[in-house]
Amino acid sequence: MASETNMKAALERLQRALAGLENAIDQRFEREADFTEAEDEVRRMNVDRSRLAQELDQAQDRANRLEEANREVSRRLVTSMETIRAVLDR
């Protein structure tokens, strides 16, 4: 009887240990899934950052071209106004 009781107690301890191990494994898988999701989010953010940086560069290039065109238009207007004044002064 005593050995049967010891055997039952040992089996119960083994079952509790196995249940604890299963819980630990489940928690580990959950953490790894969370980590994988975080890595995916960082990857998406890096892609977005690269795309936004490229769009910013393009917008800056366009702004620079517009600024140069604005200076050229302004120069031509000044030249035209000076020409008109010279004609009117004659």
C-alpha atoms as a PDB file:
ATOM      1  CA  MET A   1       0.000   0.000   0.000  1.00  0.00           C
ATOM      2  CA  ALA A   2       2.732   2.461   0.914  1.00  0.00           C
ATOM      3  CA  SER A   3       4.502   1.905  -2.391  1.00  0.00           C
ATOM      4  CA  GLU A   4       1.205   2.410  -4.233  1.00  0.00           C
ATOM      5  CA  THR A   5       0.631   5.682  -2.357  1.00  0.00           C
ATOM      6  CA  ASN A   6       4.199   6.760  -3.128  1.00  0.00           C
ATOM      7  CA  MET A   7       3.649   5.855  -6.773  1.00  0.00           C
ATOM      8  CA  LYS A   8       0.413   7.915  -6.945  1.00  0.00           C
ATOM      9  CA  ALA A   9       2.131  10.872  -5.274  1.00  0.00           C
ATOM     10  CA  ALA A  10       5.048  10.602  -7.701  1.00  0.00           C
ATOM     11  CA  LEU A  11       2.656  10.458 -10.670  1.00  0.00           C
ATOM     12  CA  GLU A  12       0.797  13.526  -9.374  1.00  0.00           C
ATOM     13  CA  ARG A  13       4.085  15.415  -9.020  1.00  0.00           C
ATOM     14  CA  LEU A  14       5.068  14.330 -12.511  1.00  0.00           C
ATOM     15  CA  GLN A  15       1.725  15.517 -13.909  1.00  0.00           C
ATOM     16  CA  ARG A  16       2.095  18.890 -12.144  1.00  0.00           C
ATOM     17  CA  ALA A  17       5.636  19.202 -13.469  1.00  0.00           C
ATOM     18  CA  LEU A  18       4.480  18.372 -16.993  1.00  0.00           C
ATOM     19  CA  ALA A  19       1.632  20.888 -16.711  1.00  0.00           C
ATOM     20  CA  GLY A  20       4.114  23.523 -15.548  1.00  0.00           C
ATOM     21  CA  LEU A  21       6.396  22.675 -18.443  1.00  0.00           C
ATOM     22  CA  GLU A  22       3.511  22.954 -20.899  1.00  0.00           C
ATOM     23  CA  ASN A  23       2.577  26.354 -19.446  1.00  0.00           C
ATOM     24  CA  ALA A  24       6.163  27.541 -19.737  1.00  0.00           C
ATOM     25  CA  ILE A  25       6.304  26.387 -23.362  1.00  0.00           C
ATOM     26  CA  ASP A  26       3.004  28.119 -24.151  1.00  0.00           C
ATOM     27  CA  GLN A  27       4.254  31.353 -22.595  1.00  0.00           C
ATOM     28  CA  ARG A  28       7.488  31.106 -24.566  1.00  0.00           C
ATOM     29  CA  PHE A  29       5.566  30.665 -27.827  1.00  0.00           C
ATOM     30  CA  GLU A  30       3.410  33.685 -26.961  1.00  0.00           C
ATOM     31  CA  ARG A  31       6.501  35.819 -26.268  1.00  0.00           C
ATOM     32  CA  GLU A  32       8.084  34.700 -29.530  1.00  0.00           C
ATOM     33  CA  ALA A  33       4.877  35.536 -31.412  1.00  0.00           C
ATOM     34  CA  ASP A  34       4.847  38.991 -29.793  1.00  0.00           C
ATOM     35  CA  PHE A  35       8.518  39.442 -30.688  1.00  0.00           C
ATOM     36  CA  THR A  36       7.858  38.398 -34.286  1.00  0.00           C
ATOM     37  CA  GLU A  37       4.974  40.877 -34.505  1.00  0.00           C
ATOM     38  CA  ALA A  38       7.228  43.616 -33.133  1.00  0.00           C
ATOM     39  CA  GLU A  39       9.942  42.769 -35.669  1.00  0.00           C
ATOM     40  CA  ASP A  40       7.371  42.897 -38.479  1.00  0.00           C
ATOM     41  CA  GLU A  41       6.142  46.285 -37.251  1.00  0.00           C
ATOM     42  CA  VAL A  42       9.707  47.641 -37.124  1.00  0.00           C
ATOM     43  CA  ARG A  43      10.295  46.335 -40.637  1.00  0.00           C
ATOM     44  CA  ARG A  44       7.113  48.063 -41.881  1.00  0.00           C
ATOM     45  CA  MET A  45       8.120  51.278 -40.127  1.00  0.00           C
ATOM     46  CA  ASN A  46      11.557  51.173 -41.771  1.00  0.00           C
ATOM     47  CA  VAL A  47       9.961  50.705 -45.185  1.00  0.00           C
ATOM     48  CA  ASP A  48       7.639  53.652 -44.469  1.00  0.00           C
ATOM     49  CA  ARG A  49      10.562  55.754 -43.256  1.00  0.00           C
ATOM     50  CA  SER A  50      12.519  54.996 -46.427  1.00  0.00           C
ATOM     51  CA  ARG A  51       9.527  55.846 -48.603  1.00  0.00           C
ATOM     52  CA  LEU A  52       8.902  59.085 -46.707  1.00  0.00           C
ATOM     53  CA  ALA A  53      12.570  60.042 -46.915  1.00  0.00           C
ATOM     54  CA  GLN A  54      12.488  59.505 -50.675  1.00  0.00           C
ATOM     55  CA  GLU A  55       9.294  61.568 -50.992  1.00  0.00           C
ATOM     56  CA  LEU A  56      10.874  64.305 -48.874  1.00  0.00           C
ATOM     57  CA  ASP A  57      13.949  64.350 -51.116  1.00  0.00           C
ATOM     58  CA  GLN A  58      11.724  64.610 -54.192  1.00  0.00           C
ATOM     59  CA  ALA A  59       9.691  67.413 -52.621  1.00  0.00           C
ATOM     60  CA  GLN A  60      12.884  69.268 -51.685  1.00  0.00           C
ATOM     61  CA  ASP A  61      14.198  68.899 -55.240  1.00  0.00           C
ATOM     62  CA  ARG A  62      10.909  70.244 -56.599  1.00  0.00           C
ATOM     63  CA  ALA A  63      10.975  73.148 -54.125  1.00  0.00           C
ATOM     64  CA  ASN A  64      14.530  73.969 -55.218  1.00  0.00           C
ATOM     65  CA  ARG A  65      13.516  73.916 -58.889  1.00  0.00           C
ATOM     66  CA  LEU A  66      10.503  76.137 -58.162  1.00  0.00           C
ATOM     67  CA  GLU A  67      12.678  78.553 -56.223  1.00  0.00           C
ATOM     68  CA  GLU A  68      15.113  78.762 -59.135  1.00  0.00           C
ATOM     69  CA  ALA A  69      12.248  79.283 -61.582  1.00  0.00           C
ATOM     70  CA  ASN A  70      10.853  81.988 -59.292  1.00  0.00           C
ATOM     71  CA  ARG A  71      14.195  83.797 -59.302  1.00  0.00           C
ATOM     72  CA  GLU A  72      14.359  83.577 -63.100  1.00  0.00           C
ATOM     73  CA  VAL A  73      10.799  84.919 -63.483  1.00  0.00           C
ATOM     74  CA  SER A  74      11.584  87.737 -61.056  1.00  0.00           C
ATOM     75  CA  ARG A  75      14.743  88.624 -62.997  1.00  0.00           C
ATOM     76  CA  ARG A  76      12.818  88.666 -66.274  1.00  0.00           C
ATOM     77  CA  LEU A  77      10.062  90.842 -64.767  1.00  0.00           C
ATOM     78  CA  VAL A  78      12.615  93.365 -63.554  1.00  0.00           C
ATOM     79  CA  THR A  79      14.222  93.399 -67.001  1.00  0.00           C
ATOM     80  CA  SER A  80      10.811  93.847 -68.648  1.00  0.00           C
ATOM     81  CA  MET A  81       9.857  96.687 -66.284  1.00  0.00           C
ATOM     82  CA  GLU A  82      13.162  98.441 -66.975  1.00  0.00           C
ATOM     83  CA  THR A  83      12.612  98.064 -70.707  1.00  0.00           C
ATOM     84  CA  ILE A  84       9.063  99.447 -70.436  1.00  0.00           C
ATOM     85  CA  ARG A  85      10.292 102.409 -68.368  1.00  0.00           C
ATOM     86  CA  ALA A  86      13.030 103.111 -70.902  1.00  0.00           C
ATOM     87  CA  VAL A  87      10.494 103.061 -73.748  1.00  0.00           C
ATOM     88  CA  LEU A  88       8.077 105.329 -71.846  1.00  0.00           C
ATOM     89  CA  ASP A  89      10.863 107.770 -70.962  1.00  0.00           C
ATOM     90  CA  ARG A  90      11.698 108.385 -74.641  1.00  0.00           C
END
